PDB file of N, CA and C in Angstrom:
ATOM      1  N   MET A   1      -6.134 -24.786  66.336  1.00  0.00           N
ATOM      2  CA  MET A   1      -5.801 -24.145  65.077  1.00  0.00           C
ATOM      3  C   MET A   1      -4.946 -22.925  65.367  1.00  0.00           C
ATOM      4  N   ILE A   2      -3.891 -22.773  64.626  1.00  0.00           N
ATOM      5  CA  ILE A   2      -2.984 -21.642  64.766  1.00  0.00           C
ATOM      6  C   ILE A   2      -3.497 -20.491  63.914  1.00  0.00           C
ATOM      7  N   THR A   3      -3.452 -19.288  64.468  1.00  0.00           N
ATOM      8  CA  THR A   3      -3.853 -18.101  63.710  1.00  0.00           C
ATOM      9  C   THR A   3      -2.717 -17.086  63.728  1.00  0.00           C
ATOM     10  N   ILE A   4      -2.578 -16.408  62.610  1.00  0.00           N
ATOM     11  CA  ILE A   4      -1.603 -15.332  62.472  1.00  0.00           C
ATOM     12  C   ILE A   4      -2.343 -14.179  61.801  1.00  0.00           C
ATOM     13  N   PRO A   5      -2.314 -13.000  62.403  1.00  0.00           N
ATOM     14  CA  PRO A   5      -3.018 -11.870  61.810  1.00  0.00           C
ATOM     15  C   PRO A   5      -2.597 -11.641  60.359  1.00  0.00           C
ATOM     16  N   GLY A   6      -3.578 -11.508  59.486  1.00  0.00           N
ATOM     17  CA  GLY A   6      -3.318 -11.223  58.082  1.00  0.00           C
ATOM     18  C   GLY A   6      -3.023 -12.442  57.220  1.00  0.00           C
ATOM     19  N   VAL A   7      -3.015 -13.646  57.831  1.00  0.00           N
ATOM     20  CA  VAL A   7      -2.733 -14.870  57.074  1.00  0.00           C
ATOM     21  C   VAL A   7      -3.947 -15.790  57.190  1.00  0.00           C
ATOM     22  N   ALA A   8      -4.413 -16.272  56.058  1.00  0.00           N
ATOM     23  CA  ALA A   8      -5.555 -17.185  56.057  1.00  0.00           C
ATOM     24  C   ALA A   8      -5.192 -18.450  56.842  1.00  0.00           C
ATOM     25  N   PRO A   9      -6.067 -18.894  57.758  1.00  0.00           N
ATOM     26  CA  PRO A   9      -5.765 -20.071  58.586  1.00  0.00           C
ATOM     27  C   PRO A   9      -5.395 -21.312  57.774  1.00  0.00           C
ATOM     28  N   ASP A  10      -6.006 -21.477  56.584  1.00  0.00           N
ATOM     29  CA  ASP A  10      -5.705 -22.668  55.784  1.00  0.00           C
ATOM     30  C   ASP A  10      -4.378 -22.565  55.037  1.00  0.00           C
ATOM     31  N   MET A  11      -3.666 -21.442  55.199  1.00  0.00           N
ATOM     32  CA  MET A  11      -2.367 -21.278  54.556  1.00  0.00           C
ATOM     33  C   MET A  11      -1.212 -21.468  55.550  1.00  0.00           C
ATOM     34  N   ILE A  12      -1.541 -21.779  56.796  1.00  0.00           N
ATOM     35  CA  ILE A  12      -0.524 -22.021  57.817  1.00  0.00           C
ATOM     36  C   ILE A  12      -0.239 -23.519  57.837  1.00  0.00           C
ATOM     37  N   ALA A  13       1.033 -23.880  57.731  1.00  0.00           N
ATOM     38  CA  ALA A  13       1.431 -25.291  57.578  1.00  0.00           C
ATOM     39  C   ALA A  13       0.811 -26.207  58.632  1.00  0.00           C
ATOM     40  N   ASN A  14       0.769 -25.783  59.882  1.00  0.00           N
ATOM     41  CA  ASN A  14       0.229 -26.637  60.942  1.00  0.00           C
ATOM     42  C   ASN A  14      -1.279 -26.835  60.831  1.00  0.00           C
ATOM     43  N   ASN A  15      -1.952 -26.032  60.040  1.00  0.00           N
ATOM     44  CA  ASN A  15      -3.401 -26.141  59.889  1.00  0.00           C
ATOM     45  C   ASN A  15      -3.811 -26.905  58.636  1.00  0.00           C
ATOM     46  N   ILE A  16      -2.866 -27.193  57.767  1.00  0.00           N
ATOM     47  CA  ILE A  16      -3.191 -27.836  56.492  1.00  0.00           C
ATOM     48  C   ILE A  16      -3.528 -29.306  56.705  1.00  0.00           C
ATOM     49  N   LYS A  17      -4.632 -29.729  56.143  1.00  0.00           N
ATOM     50  CA  LYS A  17      -5.053 -31.132  56.186  1.00  0.00           C
ATOM     51  C   LYS A  17      -4.752 -31.761  54.829  1.00  0.00           C
ATOM     52  N   PRO A  18      -4.317 -33.022  54.815  1.00  0.00           N
ATOM     53  CA  PRO A  18      -4.051 -33.659  53.523  1.00  0.00           C
ATOM     54  C   PRO A  18      -5.320 -33.769  52.690  1.00  0.00           C
ATOM     55  N   ALA A  19      -5.146 -33.814  51.375  1.00  0.00           N
ATOM     56  CA  ALA A  19      -6.295 -33.919  50.477  1.00  0.00           C
ATOM     57  C   ALA A  19      -7.064 -35.208  50.731  1.00  0.00           C
ATOM     58  N   TYR A  20      -6.354 -36.250  51.106  1.00  0.00           N
ATOM     59  CA  TYR A  20      -6.993 -37.509  51.459  1.00  0.00           C
ATOM     60  C   TYR A  20      -6.125 -38.187  52.515  1.00  0.00           C
ATOM     61  N   PRO A  21      -6.721 -38.995  53.364  1.00  0.00           N
ATOM     62  CA  PRO A  21      -5.914 -39.647  54.404  1.00  0.00           C
ATOM     63  C   PRO A  21      -4.991 -40.713  53.817  1.00  0.00           C
ATOM     64  N   THR A  22      -3.851 -40.896  54.451  1.00  0.00           N
ATOM     65  CA  THR A  22      -2.905 -41.917  54.013  1.00  0.00           C
ATOM     66  C   THR A  22      -3.040 -43.145  54.902  1.00  0.00           C
ATOM     67  N   HIS A  23      -3.406 -44.252  54.291  1.00  0.00           N
ATOM     68  CA  HIS A  23      -3.532 -45.517  55.008  1.00  0.00           C
ATOM     69  C   HIS A  23      -2.130 -46.056  55.271  1.00  0.00           C
ATOM     70  N   PRO A  24      -1.876 -46.621  56.453  1.00  0.00           N
ATOM     71  CA  PRO A  24      -0.541 -47.145  56.732  1.00  0.00           C
ATOM     72  C   PRO A  24      -0.113 -48.245  55.754  1.00  0.00           C
ATOM     73  N   GLY A  25      -1.066 -48.935  55.161  1.00  0.00           N
ATOM     74  CA  GLY A  25      -0.740 -49.962  54.179  1.00  0.00           C
ATOM     75  C   GLY A  25      -0.015 -49.397  52.973  1.00  0.00           C
ATOM     76  N   GLU A  26      -0.372 -48.172  52.576  1.00  0.00           N
ATOM     77  CA  GLU A  26       0.303 -47.535  51.446  1.00  0.00           C
ATOM     78  C   GLU A  26       1.781 -47.313  51.756  1.00  0.00           C
ATOM     79  N   VAL A  27       2.056 -46.873  52.971  1.00  0.00           N
ATOM     80  CA  VAL A  27       3.427 -46.606  53.385  1.00  0.00           C
ATOM     81  C   VAL A  27       4.201 -47.921  53.507  1.00  0.00           C
ATOM     82  N   LEU A  28       3.566 -48.924  54.081  1.00  0.00           N
ATOM     83  CA  LEU A  28       4.210 -50.225  54.226  1.00  0.00           C
ATOM     84  C   LEU A  28       4.510 -50.846  52.859  1.00  0.00           C
ATOM     85  N   LYS A  29       3.593 -50.694  51.936  1.00  0.00           N
ATOM     86  CA  LYS A  29       3.817 -51.216  50.582  1.00  0.00           C
ATOM     87  C   LYS A  29       5.066 -50.586  49.974  1.00  0.00           C
ATOM     88  N   ASP A  30       5.188 -49.276  50.090  1.00  0.00           N
ATOM     89  CA  ASP A  30       6.375 -48.589  49.576  1.00  0.00           C
ATOM     90  C   ASP A  30       7.641 -49.097  50.264  1.00  0.00           C
ATOM     91  N   GLU A  31       7.548 -49.337  51.563  1.00  0.00           N
ATOM     92  CA  GLU A  31       8.711 -49.787  52.334  1.00  0.00           C
ATOM     93  C   GLU A  31       9.190 -51.169  51.892  1.00  0.00           C
ATOM     94  N   ILE A  32       8.258 -52.107  51.718  1.00  0.00           N
ATOM     95  CA  ILE A  32       8.711 -53.449  51.335  1.00  0.00           C
ATOM     96  C   ILE A  32       9.198 -53.479  49.884  1.00  0.00           C
ATOM     97  N   VAL A  33       8.613 -52.639  49.028  1.00  0.00           N
ATOM     98  CA  VAL A  33       9.112 -52.532  47.650  1.00  0.00           C
ATOM     99  C   VAL A  33      10.529 -51.969  47.672  1.00  0.00           C
ATOM    100  N   TYR A  34      10.737 -50.917  48.460  1.00  0.00           N
ATOM    101  CA  TYR A  34      12.061 -50.294  48.564  1.00  0.00           C
ATOM    102  C   TYR A  34      13.107 -51.311  49.035  1.00  0.00           C
ATOM    103  N   ARG A  35      12.706 -52.179  49.951  1.00  0.00           N
ATOM    104  CA  ARG A  35      13.629 -53.185  50.496  1.00  0.00           C
ATOM    105  C   ARG A  35      13.772 -54.409  49.593  1.00  0.00           C
ATOM    106  N   GLY A  36      13.010 -54.435  48.498  1.00  0.00           N
ATOM    107  CA  GLY A  36      13.110 -55.540  47.553  1.00  0.00           C
ATOM    108  C   GLY A  36      12.486 -56.838  48.049  1.00  0.00           C
ATOM    109  N   ILE A  37      11.476 -56.711  48.902  1.00  0.00           N
ATOM    110  CA  ILE A  37      10.792 -57.884  49.451  1.00  0.00           C
ATOM    111  C   ILE A  37       9.442 -58.020  48.752  1.00  0.00           C
ATOM    112  N   SER A  38       9.114 -59.206  48.291  1.00  0.00           N
ATOM    113  CA  SER A  38       7.803 -59.406  47.675  1.00  0.00           C
ATOM    114  C   SER A  38       6.744 -59.516  48.774  1.00  0.00           C
ATOM    115  N   GLN A  39       5.507 -59.267  48.397  1.00  0.00           N
ATOM    116  CA  GLN A  39       4.416 -59.394  49.355  1.00  0.00           C
ATOM    117  C   GLN A  39       4.336 -60.815  49.903  1.00  0.00           C
ATOM    118  N   LYS A  40       4.509 -61.802  49.035  1.00  0.00           N
ATOM    119  CA  LYS A  40       4.447 -63.200  49.478  1.00  0.00           C
ATOM    120  C   LYS A  40       5.585 -63.518  50.443  1.00  0.00           C
ATOM    121  N   GLN A  41       6.780 -63.013  50.154  1.00  0.00           N
ATOM    122  CA  GLN A  41       7.915 -63.227  51.059  1.00  0.00           C
ATOM    123  C   GLN A  41       7.652 -62.586  52.418  1.00  0.00           C
ATOM    124  N   PHE A  42       7.151 -61.367  52.390  1.00  0.00           N
ATOM    125  CA  PHE A  42       6.917 -60.644  53.637  1.00  0.00           C
ATOM    126  C   PHE A  42       5.830 -61.322  54.460  1.00  0.00           C
ATOM    127  N   ALA A  43       4.760 -61.740  53.811  1.00  0.00           N
ATOM    128  CA  ALA A  43       3.682 -62.435  54.517  1.00  0.00           C
ATOM    129  C   ALA A  43       4.219 -63.693  55.189  1.00  0.00           C
ATOM    130  N   ALA A  44       5.031 -64.452  54.463  1.00  0.00           N
ATOM    131  CA  ALA A  44       5.610 -65.673  55.029  1.00  0.00           C
ATOM    132  C   ALA A  44       6.551 -65.335  56.180  1.00  0.00           C
ATOM    133  N   GLN A  45       7.324 -64.281  56.023  1.00  0.00           N
ATOM    134  CA  GLN A  45       8.296 -63.876  57.042  1.00  0.00           C
ATOM    135  C   GLN A  45       7.607 -63.540  58.364  1.00  0.00           C
ATOM    136  N   ILE A  46       6.460 -62.850  58.291  1.00  0.00           N
ATOM    137  CA  ILE A  46       5.788 -62.453  59.541  1.00  0.00           C
ATOM    138  C   ILE A  46       4.692 -63.435  59.944  1.00  0.00           C
ATOM    139  N   GLY A  47       4.479 -64.468  59.124  1.00  0.00           N
ATOM    140  CA  GLY A  47       3.562 -65.533  59.501  1.00  0.00           C
ATOM    141  C   GLY A  47       2.085 -65.214  59.364  1.00  0.00           C
ATOM    142  N   ILE A  48       1.733 -64.473  58.316  1.00  0.00           N
ATOM    143  CA  ILE A  48       0.315 -64.214  58.053  1.00  0.00           C
ATOM    144  C   ILE A  48      -0.007 -64.644  56.630  1.00  0.00           C
ATOM    145  N   GLN A  49      -1.294 -64.761  56.349  1.00  0.00           N
ATOM    146  CA  GLN A  49      -1.710 -65.135  55.002  1.00  0.00           C
ATOM    147  C   GLN A  49      -1.401 -63.986  54.034  1.00  0.00           C
ATOM    148  N   TYR A  50      -1.018 -64.355  52.831  1.00  0.00           N
ATOM    149  CA  TYR A  50      -0.726 -63.368  51.794  1.00  0.00           C
ATOM    150  C   TYR A  50      -1.938 -62.467  51.552  1.00  0.00           C
ATOM    151  N   THR A  51      -3.137 -63.051  51.530  1.00  0.00           N
ATOM    152  CA  THR A  51      -4.335 -62.253  51.243  1.00  0.00           C
ATOM    153  C   THR A  51      -4.571 -61.191  52.311  1.00  0.00           C
ATOM    154  N   VAL A  52      -4.254 -61.502  53.568  1.00  0.00           N
ATOM    155  CA  VAL A  52      -4.411 -60.519  54.646  1.00  0.00           C
ATOM    156  C   VAL A  52      -3.450 -59.354  54.420  1.00  0.00           C
ATOM    157  N   LEU A  53      -2.187 -59.682  54.138  1.00  0.00           N
ATOM    158  CA  LEU A  53      -1.204 -58.629  53.874  1.00  0.00           C
ATOM    159  C   LEU A  53      -1.617 -57.789  52.674  1.00  0.00           C
ATOM    160  N   ASN A  54      -2.046 -58.440  51.618  1.00  0.00           N
ATOM    161  CA  ASN A  54      -2.448 -57.734  50.411  1.00  0.00           C
ATOM    162  C   ASN A  54      -3.608 -56.780  50.683  1.00  0.00           C
ATOM    163  N   GLU A  55      -4.553 -57.194  51.491  1.00  0.00           N
ATOM    164  CA  GLU A  55      -5.683 -56.317  51.833  1.00  0.00           C
ATOM    165  C   GLU A  55      -5.217 -55.102  52.630  1.00  0.00           C
ATOM    166  N   ILE A  56      -4.251 -55.301  53.514  1.00  0.00           N
ATOM    167  CA  ILE A  56      -3.714 -54.165  54.273  1.00  0.00           C
ATOM    168  C   ILE A  56      -2.970 -53.224  53.331  1.00  0.00           C
ATOM    169  N   LEU A  57      -2.124 -53.774  52.473  1.00  0.00           N
ATOM    170  CA  LEU A  57      -1.343 -52.943  51.563  1.00  0.00           C
ATOM    171  C   LEU A  57      -2.208 -52.197  50.557  1.00  0.00           C
ATOM    172  N   ASN A  58      -3.389 -52.743  50.272  1.00  0.00           N
ATOM    173  CA  ASN A  58      -4.314 -52.091  49.338  1.00  0.00           C
ATOM    174  C   ASN A  58      -5.426 -51.324  50.047  1.00  0.00           C
ATOM    175  N   CYS A  59      -5.193 -51.044  51.330  1.00  0.00           N
ATOM    176  CA  CYS A  59      -6.069 -50.166  52.129  1.00  0.00           C
ATOM    177  C   CYS A  59      -7.477 -50.727  52.316  1.00  0.00           C
ATOM    178  N   LYS A  60      -7.618 -52.023  52.287  1.00  0.00           N
ATOM    179  CA  LYS A  60      -8.935 -52.650  52.449  1.00  0.00           C
ATOM    180  C   LYS A  60      -9.097 -53.261  53.830  1.00  0.00           C
ATOM    181  N   ARG A  61      -8.047 -53.229  54.641  1.00  0.00           N
ATOM    182  CA  ARG A  61      -8.068 -53.802  55.980  1.00  0.00           C
ATOM    183  C   ARG A  61      -7.211 -52.898  56.870  1.00  0.00           C
ATOM    184  N   PRO A  62      -7.669 -52.637  58.100  1.00  0.00           N
ATOM    185  CA  PRO A  62      -6.880 -51.776  58.987  1.00  0.00           C
ATOM    186  C   PRO A  62      -5.686 -52.504  59.596  1.00  0.00           C
ATOM    187  N   VAL A  63      -4.723 -51.718  60.026  1.00  0.00           N
ATOM    188  CA  VAL A  63      -3.582 -52.233  60.774  1.00  0.00           C
ATOM    189  C   VAL A  63      -4.007 -52.323  62.235  1.00  0.00           C
ATOM    190  N   ASN A  64      -3.779 -53.484  62.856  1.00  0.00           N
ATOM    191  CA  ASN A  64      -4.081 -53.624  64.280  1.00  0.00           C
ATOM    192  C   ASN A  64      -2.775 -53.771  65.056  1.00  0.00           C
ATOM    193  N   ALA A  65      -2.871 -53.836  66.373  1.00  0.00           N
ATOM    194  CA  ALA A  65      -1.678 -53.861  67.227  1.00  0.00           C
ATOM    195  C   ALA A  65      -0.803 -55.082  66.945  1.00  0.00           C
ATOM    196  N   ARG A  66      -1.391 -56.240  66.781  1.00  0.00           N
ATOM    197  CA  ARG A  66      -0.599 -57.446  66.531  1.00  0.00           C
ATOM    198  C   ARG A  66       0.166 -57.340  65.211  1.00  0.00           C
ATOM    199  N   PHE A  67      -0.523 -56.868  64.183  1.00  0.00           N
ATOM    200  CA  PHE A  67       0.140 -56.711  62.887  1.00  0.00           C
ATOM    201  C   PHE A  67       1.276 -55.700  63.002  1.00  0.00           C
ATOM    202  N   ALA A  68       1.024 -54.600  63.689  1.00  0.00           N
ATOM    203  CA  ALA A  68       2.046 -53.567  63.854  1.00  0.00           C
ATOM    204  C   ALA A  68       3.276 -54.133  64.569  1.00  0.00           C
ATOM    205  N   LEU A  69       3.061 -54.976  65.560  1.00  0.00           N
ATOM    206  CA  LEU A  69       4.188 -55.583  66.267  1.00  0.00           C
ATOM    207  C   LEU A  69       4.946 -56.565  65.378  1.00  0.00           C
ATOM    208  N   LEU A  70       4.225 -57.275  64.507  1.00  0.00           N
ATOM    209  CA  LEU A  70       4.891 -58.172  63.555  1.00  0.00           C
ATOM    210  C   LEU A  70       5.775 -57.373  62.601  1.00  0.00           C
ATOM    211  N   VAL A  71       5.255 -56.259  62.120  1.00  0.00           N
ATOM    212  CA  VAL A  71       6.033 -55.400  61.214  1.00  0.00           C
ATOM    213  C   VAL A  71       7.250 -54.839  61.942  1.00  0.00           C
ATOM    214  N   GLU A  72       7.066 -54.427  63.173  1.00  0.00           N
ATOM    215  CA  GLU A  72       8.188 -53.918  63.958  1.00  0.00           C
ATOM    216  C   GLU A  72       9.282 -54.978  64.085  1.00  0.00           C
ATOM    217  N   ALA A  73       8.882 -56.218  64.374  1.00  0.00           N
ATOM    218  CA  ALA A  73       9.861 -57.301  64.514  1.00  0.00           C
ATOM    219  C   ALA A  73      10.588 -57.564  63.204  1.00  0.00           C
ATOM    220  N   ALA A  74       9.876 -57.475  62.093  1.00  0.00           N
ATOM    221  CA  ALA A  74      10.464 -57.801  60.792  1.00  0.00           C
ATOM    222  C   ALA A  74      11.282 -56.662  60.199  1.00  0.00           C
ATOM    223  N   LEU A  75      10.821 -55.431  60.360  1.00  0.00           N
ATOM    224  CA  LEU A  75      11.462 -54.303  59.676  1.00  0.00           C
ATOM    225  C   LEU A  75      12.157 -53.310  60.608  1.00  0.00           C
ATOM    226  N   GLY A  76      11.900 -53.450  61.910  1.00  0.00           N
ATOM    227  CA  GLY A  76      12.518 -52.525  62.854  1.00  0.00           C
ATOM    228  C   GLY A  76      11.863 -51.156  62.885  1.00  0.00           C
ATOM    229  N   ILE A  77      10.656 -51.054  62.365  1.00  0.00           N
ATOM    230  CA  ILE A  77       9.924 -49.778  62.385  1.00  0.00           C
ATOM    231  C   ILE A  77       8.915 -49.858  63.525  1.00  0.00           C
ATOM    232  N   ASP A  78       8.995 -48.912  64.442  1.00  0.00           N
ATOM    233  CA  ASP A  78       8.207 -48.907  65.667  1.00  0.00           C
ATOM    234  C   ASP A  78       6.718 -49.182  65.421  1.00  0.00           C
ATOM    235  N   ALA A  79       6.166 -50.105  66.184  1.00  0.00           N
ATOM    236  CA  ALA A  79       4.754 -50.486  66.046  1.00  0.00           C
ATOM    237  C   ALA A  79       3.820 -49.310  66.283  1.00  0.00           C
ATOM    238  N   GLU A  80       4.188 -48.423  67.199  1.00  0.00           N
ATOM    239  CA  GLU A  80       3.320 -47.286  67.498  1.00  0.00           C
ATOM    240  C   GLU A  80       3.150 -46.370  66.287  1.00  0.00           C
ATOM    241  N   LEU A  81       4.157 -46.295  65.438  1.00  0.00           N
ATOM    242  CA  LEU A  81       4.036 -45.496  64.221  1.00  0.00           C
ATOM    243  C   LEU A  81       2.869 -46.005  63.377  1.00  0.00           C
ATOM    244  N   TRP A  82       2.793 -47.326  63.187  1.00  0.00           N
ATOM    245  CA  TRP A  82       1.731 -47.920  62.364  1.00  0.00           C
ATOM    246  C   TRP A  82       0.364 -47.710  63.005  1.00  0.00           C
ATOM    247  N   ILE A  83       0.291 -47.866  64.328  1.00  0.00           N
ATOM    248  CA  ILE A  83      -0.988 -47.676  65.032  1.00  0.00           C
ATOM    249  C   ILE A  83      -1.410 -46.216  64.979  1.00  0.00           C
ATOM    250  N   ASN A  84      -0.475 -45.316  65.190  1.00  0.00           N
ATOM    251  CA  ASN A  84      -0.810 -43.885  65.129  1.00  0.00           C
ATOM    252  C   ASN A  84      -1.240 -43.480  63.724  1.00  0.00           C
ATOM    253  N   MET A  85      -0.577 -44.027  62.724  1.00  0.00           N
ATOM    254  CA  MET A  85      -0.946 -43.724  61.342  1.00  0.00           C
ATOM    255  C   MET A  85      -2.363 -44.236  61.050  1.00  0.00           C
ATOM    256  N   GLN A  86      -2.686 -45.425  61.552  1.00  0.00           N
ATOM    257  CA  GLN A  86      -4.032 -45.984  61.353  1.00  0.00           C
ATOM    258  C   GLN A  86      -5.067 -45.120  62.058  1.00  0.00           C
ATOM    259  N   THR A  87      -4.741 -44.670  63.266  1.00  0.00           N
ATOM    260  CA  THR A  87      -5.665 -43.813  64.018  1.00  0.00           C
ATOM    261  C   THR A  87      -5.916 -42.502  63.283  1.00  0.00           C
ATOM    262  N   ARG A  88      -4.847 -41.881  62.778  1.00  0.00           N
ATOM    263  CA  ARG A  88      -5.015 -40.634  62.006  1.00  0.00           C
ATOM    264  C   ARG A  88      -5.849 -40.882  60.752  1.00  0.00           C
ATOM    265  N   TYR A  89      -5.603 -42.009  60.094  1.00  0.00           N
ATOM    266  CA  TYR A  89      -6.380 -42.367  58.903  1.00  0.00           C
ATOM    267  C   TYR A  89      -7.857 -42.504  59.268  1.00  0.00           C
ATOM    268  N   ASN A  90      -8.139 -43.210  60.361  1.00  0.00           N
ATOM    269  CA  ASN A  90      -9.526 -43.412  60.800  1.00  0.00           C
ATOM    270  C   ASN A  90     -10.201 -42.088  61.141  1.00  0.00           C
ATOM    271  N   MET A  91      -9.498 -41.231  61.872  1.00  0.00           N
ATOM    272  CA  MET A  91     -10.077 -39.944  62.274  1.00  0.00           C
ATOM    273  C   MET A  91     -10.357 -39.058  61.069  1.00  0.00           C
ATOM    274  N   LEU A  92      -9.397 -38.954  60.171  1.00  0.00           N
ATOM    275  CA  LEU A  92      -9.590 -38.101  59.001  1.00  0.00           C
ATOM    276  C   LEU A  92     -10.692 -38.648  58.105  1.00  0.00           C
ATOM    277  N   SER A  93     -10.745 -39.958  57.965  1.00  0.00           N
ATOM    278  CA  SER A  93     -11.810 -40.575  57.163  1.00  0.00           C
ATOM    279  C   SER A  93     -13.175 -40.300  57.768  1.00  0.00           C
ATOM    280  N   ALA A  94     -13.270 -40.400  59.093  1.00  0.00           N
ATOM    281  CA  ALA A  94     -14.545 -40.132  59.764  1.00  0.00           C
ATOM    282  C   ALA A  94     -14.948 -38.669  59.607  1.00  0.00           C
ATOM    283  N   LYS A  95     -13.987 -37.765  59.742  1.00  0.00           N
ATOM    284  CA  LYS A  95     -14.278 -36.337  59.601  1.00  0.00           C
ATOM    285  C   LYS A  95     -14.691 -35.965  58.184  1.00  0.00           C
ATOM    286  N   ARG A  96     -14.222 -36.711  57.216  1.00  0.00           N
ATOM    287  CA  ARG A  96     -14.554 -36.427  55.813  1.00  0.00           C
ATOM    288  C   ARG A  96     -15.858 -37.077  55.367  1.00  0.00           C
ATOM    289  N   ASP A  97     -16.432 -37.912  56.197  1.00  0.00           N
ATOM    290  CA  ASP A  97     -17.691 -38.591  55.887  1.00  0.00           C
ATOM    291  C   ASP A  97     -18.838 -37.607  56.114  1.00  0.00           C
ATOM    292  N   LYS A  98     -19.449 -37.140  55.033  1.00  0.00           N
ATOM    293  CA  LYS A  98     -20.473 -36.097  55.116  1.00  0.00           C
ATOM    294  C   LYS A  98     -21.639 -36.484  56.012  1.00  0.00           C
ATOM    295  N   SER A  99     -22.150 -37.698  55.871  1.00  0.00           N
ATOM    296  CA  SER A  99     -23.308 -38.090  56.687  1.00  0.00           C
ATOM    297  C   SER A  99     -22.937 -38.143  58.166  1.00  0.00           C
ATOM    298  N   PHE A 100     -21.719 -38.575  58.463  1.00  0.00           N
ATOM    299  CA  PHE A 100     -21.285 -38.611  59.857  1.00  0.00           C
ATOM    300  C   PHE A 100     -21.065 -37.192  60.377  1.00  0.00           C
ATOM    301  N   ALA A 101     -20.519 -36.314  59.545  1.00  0.00           N
ATOM    302  CA  ALA A 101     -20.323 -34.914  59.938  1.00  0.00           C
ATOM    303  C   ALA A 101     -21.666 -34.256  60.238  1.00  0.00           C
ATOM    304  N   ASP A 102     -22.685 -34.574  59.438  1.00  0.00           N
ATOM    305  CA  ASP A 102     -24.025 -34.040  59.691  1.00  0.00           C
ATOM    306  C   ASP A 102     -24.564 -34.543  61.030  1.00  0.00           C
ATOM    307  N   ARG A 103     -24.329 -35.804  61.305  1.00  0.00           N
ATOM    308  CA  ARG A 103     -24.764 -36.397  62.581  1.00  0.00           C
ATOM    309  C   ARG A 103     -24.083 -35.700  63.758  1.00  0.00           C
ATOM    310  N   LEU A 104     -22.782 -35.458  63.635  1.00  0.00           N
ATOM    311  CA  LEU A 104     -22.050 -34.757  64.689  1.00  0.00           C
ATOM    312  C   LEU A 104     -22.587 -33.344  64.890  1.00  0.00           C
ATOM    313  N   ALA A 105     -22.887 -32.665  63.788  1.00  0.00           N
ATOM    314  CA  ALA A 105     -23.424 -31.298  63.885  1.00  0.00           C
ATOM    315  C   ALA A 105     -24.755 -31.290  64.626  1.00  0.00           C
ATOM    316  N   LYS A 106     -25.605 -32.280  64.352  1.00  0.00           N
ATOM    317  CA  LYS A 106     -26.896 -32.373  65.047  1.00  0.00           C
ATOM    318  C   LYS A 106     -26.698 -32.603  66.536  1.00  0.00           C
ATOM    319  N   ILE A 107     -25.756 -33.438  66.894  1.00  0.00           N
ATOM    320  CA  ILE A 107     -25.483 -33.705  68.306  1.00  0.00           C
ATOM    321  C   ILE A 107     -24.964 -32.452  68.978  1.00  0.00           C
ATOM    322  N   ARG A 108     -24.040 -31.746  68.337  1.00  0.00           N
ATOM    323  CA  ARG A 108     -23.493 -30.512  68.919  1.00  0.00           C
ATOM    324  C   ARG A 108     -24.580 -29.460  69.102  1.00  0.00           C
ATOM    325  N   LYS A 109     -25.493 -29.379  68.158  1.00  0.00           N
ATOM    326  CA  LYS A 109     -26.590 -28.417  68.242  1.00  0.00           C
ATOM    327  C   LYS A 109     -27.512 -28.779  69.397  1.00  0.00           C
ATOM    328  N   ALA A 110     -27.822 -30.066  69.527  1.00  0.00           N
ATOM    329  CA  ALA A 110     -28.711 -30.515  70.603  1.00  0.00           C
ATOM    330  C   ALA A 110     -28.088 -30.273  71.983  1.00  0.00           C
ATOM    331  N   VAL A 111     -26.816 -30.536  72.092  1.00  0.00           N
ATOM    332  CA  VAL A 111     -26.119 -30.345  73.374  1.00  0.00           C
ATOM    333  C   VAL A 111     -26.010 -28.865  73.711  1.00  0.00           C
ATOM    334  N   ALA A 112     -25.830 -28.021  72.699  1.00  0.00           N
ATOM    335  CA  ALA A 112     -25.715 -26.585  72.930  1.00  0.00           C
ATOM    336  C   ALA A 112     -26.999 -25.997  73.503  1.00  0.00           C
ATOM    337  N   MET A 113     -28.119 -26.667  73.235  1.00  0.00           N
ATOM    338  CA  MET A 113     -29.414 -26.186  73.711  1.00  0.00           C
ATOM    339  C   MET A 113     -29.676 -26.579  75.160  1.00  0.00           C
ATOM    340  N   LEU A 114     -28.886 -27.468  75.705  1.00  0.00           N
ATOM    341  CA  LEU A 114     -29.107 -27.929  77.086  1.00  0.00           C
ATOM    342  C   LEU A 114     -28.742 -26.896  78.099  1.00  0.00           C
TER     343      LEU A 114
END
């Protein structure tokens, strides 16, 4: 976390967290709409079932390495971007999960006592 004397840490751009995590499917959906490709066309183009693509675009299924490579081949957008976006989504979602955050706090407290 970056600190600057006299400035609240949450007001520094590098410290700001998004209000909610962005699933890579949301970004991909915008991209294929922008390119004028239907979901059914895109699914056929990359050789996956339409329902699988639809679940990814609607944030109900994660992006995996194989899917990211298919998107890279079809759209020319680096596969690592999709994987990194999914990882950030997963991390932020986990950090925002109250019960999981409580579990982490208990573990940190227990370890601090060792």
